[in-house]
Amino acid sequence: KYGLEDDTIDFIGHALALYSSDNYLDQPALDFVKRMKLYAESLARFQGGSPYIYPLYGLGELPQAFARLSAVYGGTYMLNKPECKIEYGDDGKVIGVTSVGETAKCKKVVCDPSYLPDKVKKVGKVARAVCIMSHPIPDTNDSHSAQVIVPQKQLGRKSDMYLFCCSYAHNVAPKGKFIAFVSTEAETDDPKVELEPGIKLLG
């Protein structure tokens, strides 16, 4: 008796719950409900009409904010250390990071995969374009920041395409310039062709 149209399902699942494929439709609903709850609570938290926040001066501010908080609680820093080597205990678990004869002891390491080439497994590739523009993305009410999600079905793909835009208002570009990112999971060896539908939306 009751139901949702395919376009509505696409919108809720991909734009609000942020699933990147339709696999969630065959899974228990609890994770979906939690994602919708998070979206609704985030939307209500700020008066800007968006559930998202973006730091001035770019995403590099996030680790800087963590660094300041860590310093307040007594964190120690080893900056610009060359040739970092991760140390393991007899049980194979991480116990520290060594550089220039000094070892910082720890229980966990968060790092770029290039530090641990023998510990990572390649599971896919991302196609990404970074575009510097003199205008906002069309049809976004001249917004200085916007996220556009194009569901996989609309593109005949297995994964969604994401467009993100920020601008000089966020102190990440010169006056009057906008930076847009178009990205998707690579499904072929021709990223230019794959990204074309998203790049066309940039105007």
N, C-alpha and C. Protein backbone atom coordinates (compact mmCIF):
# COMPACT_ATOMS: atom_id res chain seq x y z
N LYS A 1 0.83 -1.20 0.00
CA LYS A 1 0.00 0.00 0.00
C LYS A 1 0.87 1.25 0.00
N TYR A 2 1.94 1.26 0.82
CA TYR A 2 2.80 2.43 0.89
C TYR A 2 4.14 2.10 0.25
N GLY A 3 4.83 3.12 -0.25
CA GLY A 3 6.13 2.88 -0.86
C GLY A 3 6.79 4.19 -1.24
N LEU A 4 7.97 4.09 -1.82
CA LEU A 4 8.72 5.26 -2.27
C LEU A 4 9.11 5.08 -3.73
N GLU A 5 9.12 6.18 -4.46
CA GLU A 5 9.58 6.12 -5.85
C GLU A 5 11.09 5.91 -5.87
N ASP A 6 11.58 5.37 -6.96
CA ASP A 6 13.01 5.08 -7.09
C ASP A 6 13.87 6.32 -6.89
N ASP A 7 13.42 7.47 -7.42
CA ASP A 7 14.19 8.71 -7.28
C ASP A 7 14.28 9.13 -5.81
N THR A 8 13.19 8.93 -5.06
CA THR A 8 13.18 9.27 -3.64
C THR A 8 14.12 8.36 -2.87
N ILE A 9 14.09 7.07 -3.19
CA ILE A 9 15.00 6.11 -2.55
C ILE A 9 16.44 6.49 -2.84
N ASP A 10 16.73 6.84 -4.08
CA ASP A 10 18.08 7.27 -4.48
C ASP A 10 18.53 8.48 -3.67
N PHE A 11 17.63 9.46 -3.55
CA PHE A 11 17.98 10.70 -2.85
C PHE A 11 18.27 10.44 -1.37
N ILE A 12 17.37 9.70 -0.71
CA ILE A 12 17.53 9.45 0.72
C ILE A 12 18.77 8.59 0.98
N GLY A 13 18.93 7.54 0.20
CA GLY A 13 20.04 6.60 0.43
C GLY A 13 21.40 7.17 0.11
N HIS A 14 21.48 7.98 -0.95
CA HIS A 14 22.79 8.45 -1.41
C HIS A 14 23.12 9.87 -0.96
N ALA A 15 22.12 10.76 -0.95
CA ALA A 15 22.41 12.17 -0.59
C ALA A 15 22.30 12.42 0.91
N LEU A 16 21.43 11.68 1.60
CA LEU A 16 21.27 11.90 3.03
C LEU A 16 22.04 10.86 3.85
N ALA A 17 21.84 9.57 3.54
CA ALA A 17 22.53 8.52 4.30
C ALA A 17 23.96 8.31 3.79
N LEU A 18 24.29 8.88 2.64
CA LEU A 18 25.65 8.88 2.08
C LEU A 18 26.19 7.48 1.78
N TYR A 19 25.32 6.57 1.37
CA TYR A 19 25.80 5.29 0.85
C TYR A 19 26.33 5.50 -0.56
N SER A 20 27.45 4.86 -0.89
CA SER A 20 28.06 5.08 -2.20
C SER A 20 27.60 4.07 -3.24
N SER A 21 26.85 3.05 -2.79
CA SER A 21 26.28 2.09 -3.73
C SER A 21 24.92 1.66 -3.18
N ASP A 22 24.22 0.79 -3.94
CA ASP A 22 22.88 0.36 -3.51
C ASP A 22 22.91 -0.90 -2.65
N ASN A 23 24.08 -1.33 -2.21
CA ASN A 23 24.19 -2.54 -1.40
C ASN A 23 23.39 -2.44 -0.10
N TYR A 24 23.22 -1.22 0.39
CA TYR A 24 22.51 -1.03 1.67
C TYR A 24 21.07 -1.52 1.61
N LEU A 25 20.49 -1.58 0.41
CA LEU A 25 19.10 -1.98 0.26
C LEU A 25 18.88 -3.44 0.66
N ASP A 26 19.95 -4.23 0.65
CA ASP A 26 19.85 -5.65 1.01
C ASP A 26 20.37 -5.93 2.41
N GLN A 27 20.63 -4.88 3.19
CA GLN A 27 21.20 -5.05 4.53
C GLN A 27 20.18 -4.62 5.59
N PRO A 28 20.40 -5.02 6.86
CA PRO A 28 19.48 -4.58 7.93
C PRO A 28 19.39 -3.06 7.99
N ALA A 29 18.24 -2.56 8.44
CA ALA A 29 17.95 -1.12 8.36
C ALA A 29 18.62 -0.28 9.44
N LEU A 30 19.17 -0.93 10.49
CA LEU A 30 19.64 -0.17 11.64
C LEU A 30 20.72 0.86 11.27
N ASP A 31 21.71 0.45 10.47
CA ASP A 31 22.77 1.39 10.08
C ASP A 31 22.19 2.56 9.30
N PHE A 32 21.23 2.26 8.42
CA PHE A 32 20.57 3.31 7.64
C PHE A 32 19.86 4.31 8.56
N VAL A 33 19.14 3.80 9.54
CA VAL A 33 18.40 4.67 10.47
C VAL A 33 19.37 5.55 11.25
N LYS A 34 20.50 4.98 11.69
CA LYS A 34 21.50 5.75 12.43
C LYS A 34 22.09 6.86 11.56
N ARG A 35 22.33 6.56 10.29
CA ARG A 35 22.87 7.58 9.38
C ARG A 35 21.86 8.71 9.18
N MET A 36 20.59 8.38 9.05
CA MET A 36 19.56 9.40 8.88
C MET A 36 19.44 10.26 10.14
N LYS A 37 19.55 9.62 11.30
CA LYS A 37 19.50 10.33 12.58
C LYS A 37 20.66 11.31 12.69
N LEU A 38 21.86 10.86 12.29
CA LEU A 38 23.04 11.73 12.33
C LEU A 38 22.85 12.92 11.40
N TYR A 39 22.30 12.67 10.20
CA TYR A 39 22.06 13.76 9.25
C TYR A 39 21.08 14.78 9.84
N ALA A 40 19.98 14.29 10.39
CA ALA A 40 18.95 15.19 10.94
C ALA A 40 19.51 16.00 12.11
N GLU A 41 20.27 15.36 12.99
CA GLU A 41 20.84 16.07 14.14
C GLU A 41 21.88 17.09 13.69
N SER A 42 22.66 16.75 12.68
CA SER A 42 23.67 17.68 12.16
C SER A 42 23.00 18.88 11.50
N LEU A 43 21.91 18.63 10.81
CA LEU A 43 21.18 19.72 10.14
C LEU A 43 20.61 20.68 11.16
N ALA A 44 20.19 20.16 12.30
CA ALA A 44 19.57 21.01 13.32
C ALA A 44 20.60 21.76 14.16
N ARG A 45 21.87 21.33 14.09
CA ARG A 45 22.87 21.88 15.01
C ARG A 45 23.28 23.30 14.62
N PHE A 46 23.35 23.60 13.32
CA PHE A 46 23.79 24.91 12.86
C PHE A 46 22.67 25.61 12.11
N GLN A 47 22.76 26.92 12.04
CA GLN A 47 21.70 27.70 11.40
C GLN A 47 21.93 27.93 9.92
N GLY A 48 22.99 27.33 9.36
CA GLY A 48 23.35 27.62 7.97
C GLY A 48 22.57 26.85 6.93
N GLY A 49 21.63 25.98 7.38
CA GLY A 49 20.85 25.21 6.41
C GLY A 49 21.61 24.05 5.81
N SER A 50 22.71 23.62 6.45
CA SER A 50 23.50 22.50 5.95
C SER A 50 23.96 21.64 7.12
N PRO A 51 24.06 20.32 6.91
CA PRO A 51 24.57 19.46 7.99
C PRO A 51 26.09 19.42 8.03
N TYR A 52 26.75 20.08 7.08
CA TYR A 52 28.20 19.99 6.96
C TYR A 52 28.90 21.26 7.46
N ILE A 53 30.10 21.09 7.99
CA ILE A 53 30.95 22.24 8.28
C ILE A 53 32.28 22.02 7.58
N TYR A 54 32.92 23.11 7.19
CA TYR A 54 34.21 23.02 6.49
C TYR A 54 35.13 24.06 7.12
N PRO A 55 36.33 23.66 7.53
CA PRO A 55 37.21 24.61 8.24
C PRO A 55 37.83 25.65 7.31
N LEU A 56 37.92 26.89 7.79
CA LEU A 56 38.67 27.90 7.05
C LEU A 56 40.12 27.44 6.92
N TYR A 57 40.76 27.81 5.81
CA TYR A 57 42.15 27.43 5.50
C TYR A 57 42.31 25.96 5.12
N GLY A 58 41.19 25.25 4.89
CA GLY A 58 41.29 23.90 4.35
C GLY A 58 41.34 22.81 5.40
N LEU A 59 41.36 21.57 4.92
CA LEU A 59 41.29 20.41 5.80
C LEU A 59 42.54 20.21 6.63
N GLY A 60 43.63 20.89 6.28
CA GLY A 60 44.85 20.84 7.08
C GLY A 60 44.63 21.36 8.49
N GLU A 61 43.54 22.12 8.69
CA GLU A 61 43.22 22.63 10.03
C GLU A 61 42.75 21.52 10.97
N LEU A 62 42.25 20.41 10.39
CA LEU A 62 41.76 19.33 11.26
C LEU A 62 42.91 18.68 12.04
N PRO A 63 44.00 18.26 11.38
CA PRO A 63 45.11 17.73 12.20
C PRO A 63 45.72 18.79 13.11
N GLN A 64 45.68 20.05 12.68
CA GLN A 64 46.22 21.11 13.54
C GLN A 64 45.37 21.26 14.81
N ALA A 65 44.05 21.15 14.64
CA ALA A 65 43.17 21.23 15.82
C ALA A 65 43.44 20.05 16.75
N PHE A 66 43.66 18.87 16.16
CA PHE A 66 43.99 17.70 16.98
C PHE A 66 45.32 17.92 17.70
N ALA A 67 46.30 18.49 16.98
CA ALA A 67 47.63 18.72 17.57
C ALA A 67 47.54 19.64 18.78
N ARG A 68 46.72 20.70 18.65
CA ARG A 68 46.58 21.64 19.77
C ARG A 68 45.92 20.96 20.97
N LEU A 69 44.89 20.18 20.69
CA LEU A 69 44.19 19.47 21.77
C LEU A 69 45.12 18.47 22.43
N SER A 70 45.90 17.78 21.60
CA SER A 70 46.85 16.81 22.13
C SER A 70 47.88 17.49 23.03
N ALA A 71 48.35 18.66 22.61
CA ALA A 71 49.35 19.40 23.40
C ALA A 71 48.79 19.78 24.77
N VAL A 72 47.51 20.14 24.81
CA VAL A 72 46.87 20.51 26.07
C VAL A 72 46.92 19.33 27.05
N TYR A 73 46.81 18.12 26.50
CA TYR A 73 46.80 16.93 27.34
C TYR A 73 48.18 16.26 27.42
N GLY A 74 49.23 17.01 27.09
CA GLY A 74 50.58 16.50 27.30
C GLY A 74 51.17 15.70 26.16
N GLY A 75 50.62 15.82 24.96
CA GLY A 75 51.15 15.11 23.80
C GLY A 75 52.54 15.61 23.43
N THR A 76 53.38 14.72 22.89
CA THR A 76 54.75 15.06 22.48
C THR A 76 54.85 15.00 20.96
N TYR A 77 55.63 15.91 20.38
CA TYR A 77 55.74 16.00 18.92
C TYR A 77 57.15 15.71 18.44
N MET A 78 57.23 14.96 17.36
CA MET A 78 58.49 14.75 16.64
C MET A 78 58.21 15.22 15.22
N LEU A 79 58.66 16.42 14.89
CA LEU A 79 58.34 17.01 13.59
C LEU A 79 59.50 16.87 12.61
N ASN A 80 59.14 16.74 11.31
CA ASN A 80 60.14 16.66 10.23
C ASN A 80 61.18 15.57 10.47
N LYS A 81 60.74 14.44 10.97
CA LYS A 81 61.66 13.32 11.21
C LYS A 81 61.83 12.51 9.92
N PRO A 82 63.08 12.26 9.51
CA PRO A 82 63.29 11.50 8.27
C PRO A 82 63.22 9.99 8.53
N GLU A 83 62.91 9.25 7.48
CA GLU A 83 62.99 7.78 7.48
C GLU A 83 62.39 7.15 8.73
N CYS A 84 61.11 7.38 8.91
CA CYS A 84 60.42 6.77 10.05
C CYS A 84 60.25 5.27 9.82
N LYS A 85 60.53 4.50 10.86
CA LYS A 85 60.40 3.04 10.77
C LYS A 85 59.47 2.58 11.88
N ILE A 86 58.49 1.78 11.51
CA ILE A 86 57.53 1.30 12.50
C ILE A 86 58.07 0.03 13.14
N GLU A 87 58.02 0.00 14.48
CA GLU A 87 58.55 -1.13 15.24
C GLU A 87 57.42 -2.04 15.69
N TYR A 88 57.71 -3.36 15.68
CA TYR A 88 56.71 -4.35 16.07
C TYR A 88 57.22 -5.19 17.25
N GLY A 89 56.29 -5.62 18.08
CA GLY A 89 56.65 -6.51 19.18
C GLY A 89 56.68 -7.95 18.72
N ASP A 90 56.96 -8.86 19.65
CA ASP A 90 57.04 -10.29 19.32
C ASP A 90 55.70 -10.84 18.83
N ASP A 91 54.61 -10.20 19.26
CA ASP A 91 53.28 -10.67 18.84
C ASP A 91 52.84 -10.07 17.50
N GLY A 92 53.74 -9.27 16.88
CA GLY A 92 53.42 -8.68 15.58
C GLY A 92 52.65 -7.38 15.65
N LYS A 93 52.37 -6.89 16.86
CA LYS A 93 51.63 -5.64 17.00
C LYS A 93 52.59 -4.46 17.10
N VAL A 94 52.11 -3.29 16.69
CA VAL A 94 52.93 -2.08 16.71
C VAL A 94 53.31 -1.71 18.14
N ILE A 95 54.58 -1.33 18.34
CA ILE A 95 55.00 -0.88 19.67
C ILE A 95 55.66 0.51 19.63
N GLY A 96 55.96 1.02 18.42
CA GLY A 96 56.58 2.33 18.36
C GLY A 96 57.01 2.73 16.96
N VAL A 97 57.52 3.97 16.86
CA VAL A 97 58.04 4.50 15.60
C VAL A 97 59.44 5.04 15.87
N THR A 98 60.41 4.61 15.04
CA THR A 98 61.80 5.02 15.23
C THR A 98 62.25 5.93 14.11
N SER A 99 62.99 7.00 14.47
CA SER A 99 63.61 7.89 13.50
C SER A 99 64.88 8.46 14.11
N VAL A 100 65.97 8.41 13.36
CA VAL A 100 67.27 8.93 13.79
C VAL A 100 67.62 8.43 15.20
N GLY A 101 67.44 7.14 15.43
CA GLY A 101 67.85 6.55 16.69
C GLY A 101 66.90 6.75 17.85
N GLU A 102 65.86 7.56 17.68
CA GLU A 102 64.88 7.80 18.75
C GLU A 102 63.62 7.00 18.46
N THR A 103 63.06 6.39 19.50
CA THR A 103 61.82 5.63 19.32
C THR A 103 60.71 6.24 20.19
N ALA A 104 59.60 6.56 19.53
CA ALA A 104 58.41 7.00 20.24
C ALA A 104 57.52 5.77 20.42
N LYS A 105 57.24 5.40 21.67
CA LYS A 105 56.46 4.20 21.92
C LYS A 105 54.97 4.50 21.78
N CYS A 106 54.24 3.51 21.29
CA CYS A 106 52.80 3.70 21.09
C CYS A 106 52.12 2.35 20.95
N LYS A 107 50.78 2.38 20.99
CA LYS A 107 49.99 1.16 20.80
C LYS A 107 49.33 1.12 19.43
N LYS A 108 49.20 2.31 18.80
CA LYS A 108 48.57 2.38 17.48
C LYS A 108 49.33 3.38 16.62
N VAL A 109 49.29 3.16 15.30
CA VAL A 109 49.90 4.09 14.35
C VAL A 109 48.86 4.42 13.29
N VAL A 110 48.70 5.72 13.01
CA VAL A 110 47.85 6.17 11.91
C VAL A 110 48.78 6.80 10.89
N CYS A 111 48.78 6.27 9.66
CA CYS A 111 49.77 6.77 8.70
C CYS A 111 49.29 6.59 7.27
N ASP A 112 50.02 7.20 6.36
CA ASP A 112 49.80 7.01 4.94
C ASP A 112 50.19 5.58 4.56
N PRO A 113 49.47 4.95 3.64
CA PRO A 113 49.80 3.57 3.26
C PRO A 113 51.23 3.38 2.74
N SER A 114 51.84 4.47 2.23
CA SER A 114 53.20 4.34 1.69
C SER A 114 54.22 3.97 2.77
N TYR A 115 53.88 4.20 4.05
CA TYR A 115 54.78 3.82 5.14
C TYR A 115 54.76 2.31 5.39
N LEU A 116 53.67 1.66 4.97
CA LEU A 116 53.51 0.23 5.25
C LEU A 116 53.13 -0.54 3.98
N PRO A 117 53.99 -0.53 2.98
CA PRO A 117 53.62 -1.16 1.71
C PRO A 117 53.32 -2.65 1.82
N ASP A 118 53.93 -3.32 2.81
CA ASP A 118 53.70 -4.76 2.96
C ASP A 118 52.49 -5.08 3.83
N LYS A 119 51.83 -4.04 4.36
CA LYS A 119 50.68 -4.27 5.24
C LYS A 119 49.35 -3.87 4.59
N VAL A 120 49.41 -3.29 3.40
CA VAL A 120 48.18 -2.82 2.77
C VAL A 120 47.84 -3.64 1.54
N LYS A 121 46.55 -3.67 1.22
CA LYS A 121 46.08 -4.40 0.05
C LYS A 121 45.27 -3.44 -0.81
N LYS A 122 45.62 -3.35 -2.08
CA LYS A 122 44.91 -2.46 -2.99
C LYS A 122 43.54 -3.05 -3.31
N VAL A 123 42.50 -2.27 -3.06
CA VAL A 123 41.14 -2.77 -3.30
C VAL A 123 40.41 -1.94 -4.36
N GLY A 124 41.06 -0.90 -4.86
CA GLY A 124 40.43 -0.09 -5.89
C GLY A 124 41.19 1.19 -6.15
N LYS A 125 40.68 1.99 -7.09
CA LYS A 125 41.31 3.27 -7.43
C LYS A 125 40.25 4.35 -7.45
N VAL A 126 40.68 5.59 -7.20
CA VAL A 126 39.78 6.74 -7.25
C VAL A 126 40.19 7.63 -8.42
N ALA A 127 39.21 8.03 -9.21
CA ALA A 127 39.45 9.02 -10.27
C ALA A 127 39.06 10.38 -9.71
N ARG A 128 39.96 11.36 -9.83
CA ARG A 128 39.69 12.67 -9.22
C ARG A 128 40.18 13.80 -10.12
N ALA A 129 39.38 14.83 -10.23
CA ALA A 129 39.79 16.04 -10.94
C ALA A 129 39.70 17.22 -9.97
N VAL A 130 40.71 18.08 -9.99
CA VAL A 130 40.71 19.30 -9.18
C VAL A 130 40.62 20.46 -10.15
N CYS A 131 39.58 21.27 -10.03
CA CYS A 131 39.33 22.35 -10.99
C CYS A 131 39.36 23.71 -10.29
N ILE A 132 40.11 24.65 -10.84
CA ILE A 132 40.14 26.02 -10.32
C ILE A 132 39.25 26.87 -11.23
N MET A 133 38.24 27.49 -10.65
CA MET A 133 37.22 28.18 -11.45
C MET A 133 37.08 29.63 -11.00
N SER A 134 36.47 30.43 -11.86
CA SER A 134 36.19 31.83 -11.53
C SER A 134 34.72 32.04 -11.21
N HIS A 135 33.99 30.96 -10.95
CA HIS A 135 32.56 31.05 -10.70
C HIS A 135 32.14 29.88 -9.82
N PRO A 136 31.00 30.02 -9.13
CA PRO A 136 30.49 28.88 -8.35
C PRO A 136 29.89 27.83 -9.27
N ILE A 137 29.58 26.66 -8.71
CA ILE A 137 28.89 25.63 -9.50
C ILE A 137 27.50 26.16 -9.85
N PRO A 138 27.10 26.11 -11.13
CA PRO A 138 25.77 26.61 -11.52
C PRO A 138 24.64 25.91 -10.76
N ASP A 139 23.54 26.64 -10.59
CA ASP A 139 22.33 26.13 -9.95
C ASP A 139 22.53 25.73 -8.49
N THR A 140 23.50 26.37 -7.82
CA THR A 140 23.68 26.13 -6.38
C THR A 140 23.47 27.43 -5.60
N ASN A 141 22.67 28.35 -6.17
CA ASN A 141 22.40 29.65 -5.54
C ASN A 141 23.69 30.42 -5.26
N ASP A 142 24.65 30.32 -6.17
CA ASP A 142 25.95 31.01 -6.05
C ASP A 142 26.63 30.71 -4.72
N SER A 143 26.47 29.49 -4.25
CA SER A 143 27.05 29.10 -2.96
C SER A 143 28.57 29.05 -3.03
N HIS A 144 29.21 29.51 -1.96
CA HIS A 144 30.67 29.44 -1.88
C HIS A 144 31.14 28.02 -1.57
N SER A 145 30.25 27.22 -0.99
CA SER A 145 30.59 25.82 -0.77
C SER A 145 29.36 24.98 -1.08
N ALA A 146 29.59 23.84 -1.68
CA ALA A 146 28.47 22.96 -2.03
C ALA A 146 28.98 21.54 -2.22
N GLN A 147 28.11 20.58 -1.91
CA GLN A 147 28.40 19.20 -2.26
C GLN A 147 27.26 18.69 -3.12
N VAL A 148 27.62 18.12 -4.26
CA VAL A 148 26.64 17.55 -5.18
C VAL A 148 26.96 16.06 -5.30
N ILE A 149 25.96 15.22 -5.06
CA ILE A 149 26.14 13.78 -5.18
C ILE A 149 25.29 13.29 -6.35
N VAL A 150 25.94 12.64 -7.30
CA VAL A 150 25.21 12.09 -8.45
C VAL A 150 25.13 10.58 -8.26
N PRO A 151 23.93 10.05 -7.95
CA PRO A 151 23.79 8.61 -7.69
C PRO A 151 24.21 7.77 -8.89
N GLN A 152 24.69 6.58 -8.61
CA GLN A 152 25.24 5.67 -9.61
C GLN A 152 24.25 5.38 -10.73
N LYS A 153 22.95 5.22 -10.37
CA LYS A 153 21.95 4.86 -11.38
C LYS A 153 21.83 5.93 -12.46
N GLN A 154 21.94 7.20 -12.04
CA GLN A 154 21.79 8.29 -13.01
C GLN A 154 22.93 8.32 -14.02
N LEU A 155 24.04 7.69 -13.67
CA LEU A 155 25.21 7.69 -14.55
C LEU A 155 25.44 6.33 -15.20
N GLY A 156 24.64 5.33 -14.82
CA GLY A 156 24.87 3.98 -15.33
C GLY A 156 26.17 3.39 -14.81
N ARG A 157 26.51 3.68 -13.53
CA ARG A 157 27.76 3.23 -12.94
C ARG A 157 27.49 2.33 -11.74
N LYS A 158 28.59 1.80 -11.17
CA LYS A 158 28.47 0.99 -9.96
C LYS A 158 28.64 1.83 -8.71
N SER A 159 29.19 3.04 -8.85
CA SER A 159 29.43 3.89 -7.68
C SER A 159 29.03 5.34 -7.98
N ASP A 160 28.74 6.09 -6.91
CA ASP A 160 28.32 7.48 -7.05
C ASP A 160 29.47 8.38 -7.49
N MET A 161 29.11 9.58 -7.94
CA MET A 161 30.11 10.61 -8.26
C MET A 161 29.87 11.79 -7.32
N TYR A 162 30.97 12.33 -6.80
CA TYR A 162 30.89 13.42 -5.82
C TYR A 162 31.51 14.69 -6.38
N LEU A 163 30.80 15.80 -6.23
CA LEU A 163 31.33 17.12 -6.57
C LEU A 163 31.37 17.93 -5.28
N PHE A 164 32.51 18.54 -5.02
CA PHE A 164 32.62 19.40 -3.84
C PHE A 164 33.25 20.71 -4.26
N CYS A 165 32.73 21.82 -3.75
CA CYS A 165 33.27 23.12 -4.10
C CYS A 165 33.49 23.95 -2.83
N CYS A 166 34.63 24.63 -2.77
CA CYS A 166 34.87 25.65 -1.75
C CYS A 166 35.51 26.84 -2.46
N SER A 167 35.78 27.93 -1.75
CA SER A 167 36.19 29.14 -2.47
C SER A 167 37.10 30.02 -1.63
N TYR A 168 37.35 31.21 -2.19
CA TYR A 168 38.17 32.19 -1.48
C TYR A 168 37.55 32.57 -0.13
N ALA A 169 36.24 32.37 0.01
CA ALA A 169 35.58 32.68 1.29
C ALA A 169 36.09 31.78 2.41
N HIS A 170 36.67 30.63 2.04
CA HIS A 170 37.21 29.70 3.03
C HIS A 170 38.72 29.84 3.17
N ASN A 171 39.28 30.87 2.54
CA ASN A 171 40.73 31.12 2.59
C ASN A 171 41.54 29.96 2.04
N VAL A 172 41.04 29.35 0.97
CA VAL A 172 41.76 28.26 0.32
C VAL A 172 42.11 28.59 -1.14
N ALA A 173 41.74 29.78 -1.59
CA ALA A 173 41.97 30.17 -2.98
C ALA A 173 42.11 31.69 -3.05
N PRO A 174 42.75 32.20 -4.14
CA PRO A 174 42.84 33.65 -4.30
C PRO A 174 41.47 34.28 -4.45
N LYS A 175 41.40 35.58 -4.22
CA LYS A 175 40.13 36.32 -4.29
C LYS A 175 39.43 36.04 -5.62
N GLY A 176 38.16 35.69 -5.52
CA GLY A 176 37.35 35.47 -6.73
C GLY A 176 37.45 34.08 -7.31
N LYS A 177 38.26 33.20 -6.72
CA LYS A 177 38.43 31.86 -7.29
C LYS A 177 37.70 30.80 -6.45
N PHE A 178 37.26 29.76 -7.13
CA PHE A 178 36.58 28.62 -6.53
C PHE A 178 37.35 27.36 -6.86
N ILE A 179 37.39 26.42 -5.93
CA ILE A 179 38.06 25.14 -6.18
C ILE A 179 37.00 24.05 -6.12
N ALA A 180 36.93 23.26 -7.18
CA ALA A 180 35.96 22.16 -7.23
C ALA A 180 36.69 20.83 -7.40
N PHE A 181 36.20 19.83 -6.70
CA PHE A 181 36.74 18.48 -6.80
C PHE A 181 35.65 17.57 -7.35
N VAL A 182 36.00 16.79 -8.34
CA VAL A 182 35.09 15.78 -8.88
C VAL A 182 35.76 14.43 -8.65
N SER A 183 35.08 13.51 -7.98
CA SER A 183 35.72 12.22 -7.70
C SER A 183 34.72 11.08 -7.74
N THR A 184 35.23 9.92 -8.07
CA THR A 184 34.43 8.70 -8.10
C THR A 184 35.37 7.51 -8.04
N GLU A 185 34.83 6.37 -7.72
CA GLU A 185 35.63 5.15 -7.74
C GLU A 185 35.91 4.81 -9.19
N ALA A 186 37.17 4.60 -9.54
CA ALA A 186 37.53 4.31 -10.93
C ALA A 186 37.02 2.93 -11.33
N GLU A 187 36.31 2.89 -12.43
CA GLU A 187 35.78 1.61 -12.92
C GLU A 187 36.41 1.22 -14.25
N THR A 188 37.16 2.16 -14.86
CA THR A 188 37.86 1.87 -16.12
C THR A 188 39.27 2.45 -16.02
N ASP A 189 40.01 2.35 -17.10
CA ASP A 189 41.36 2.93 -17.14
C ASP A 189 41.36 4.29 -17.83
N ASP A 190 40.18 4.91 -17.98
CA ASP A 190 40.08 6.22 -18.65
C ASP A 190 39.37 7.21 -17.72
N PRO A 191 40.11 7.77 -16.74
CA PRO A 191 39.45 8.65 -15.76
C PRO A 191 38.82 9.89 -16.37
N LYS A 192 39.39 10.42 -17.45
CA LYS A 192 38.80 11.63 -18.07
C LYS A 192 37.37 11.38 -18.53
N VAL A 193 37.16 10.24 -19.17
CA VAL A 193 35.82 9.91 -19.66
C VAL A 193 34.88 9.66 -18.48
N GLU A 194 35.38 8.98 -17.44
CA GLU A 194 34.54 8.67 -16.28
C GLU A 194 34.09 9.93 -15.57
N LEU A 195 34.97 10.92 -15.48
CA LEU A 195 34.66 12.14 -14.72
C LEU A 195 33.89 13.18 -15.54
N GLU A 196 33.75 12.94 -16.83
CA GLU A 196 33.13 13.95 -17.72
C GLU A 196 31.74 14.40 -17.27
N PRO A 197 30.83 13.48 -16.85
CA PRO A 197 29.50 13.95 -16.42
C PRO A 197 29.57 14.92 -15.26
N GLY A 198 30.47 14.70 -14.32
CA GLY A 198 30.63 15.60 -13.17
C GLY A 198 31.24 16.93 -13.57
N ILE A 199 32.26 16.88 -14.42
CA ILE A 199 32.93 18.11 -14.85
C ILE A 199 31.97 18.99 -15.65
N LYS A 200 31.06 18.38 -16.41
CA LYS A 200 30.06 19.17 -17.17
C LYS A 200 29.16 19.97 -16.23
N LEU A 201 28.90 19.41 -15.05
CA LEU A 201 28.01 20.10 -14.10
C LEU A 201 28.68 21.33 -13.49
N LEU A 202 30.01 21.46 -13.64
CA LEU A 202 30.72 22.61 -13.04
C LEU A 202 30.52 23.90 -13.83
N GLY A 203 30.01 23.79 -15.06
CA GLY A 203 29.76 25.01 -15.86
C GLY A 203 30.99 25.49 -16.59
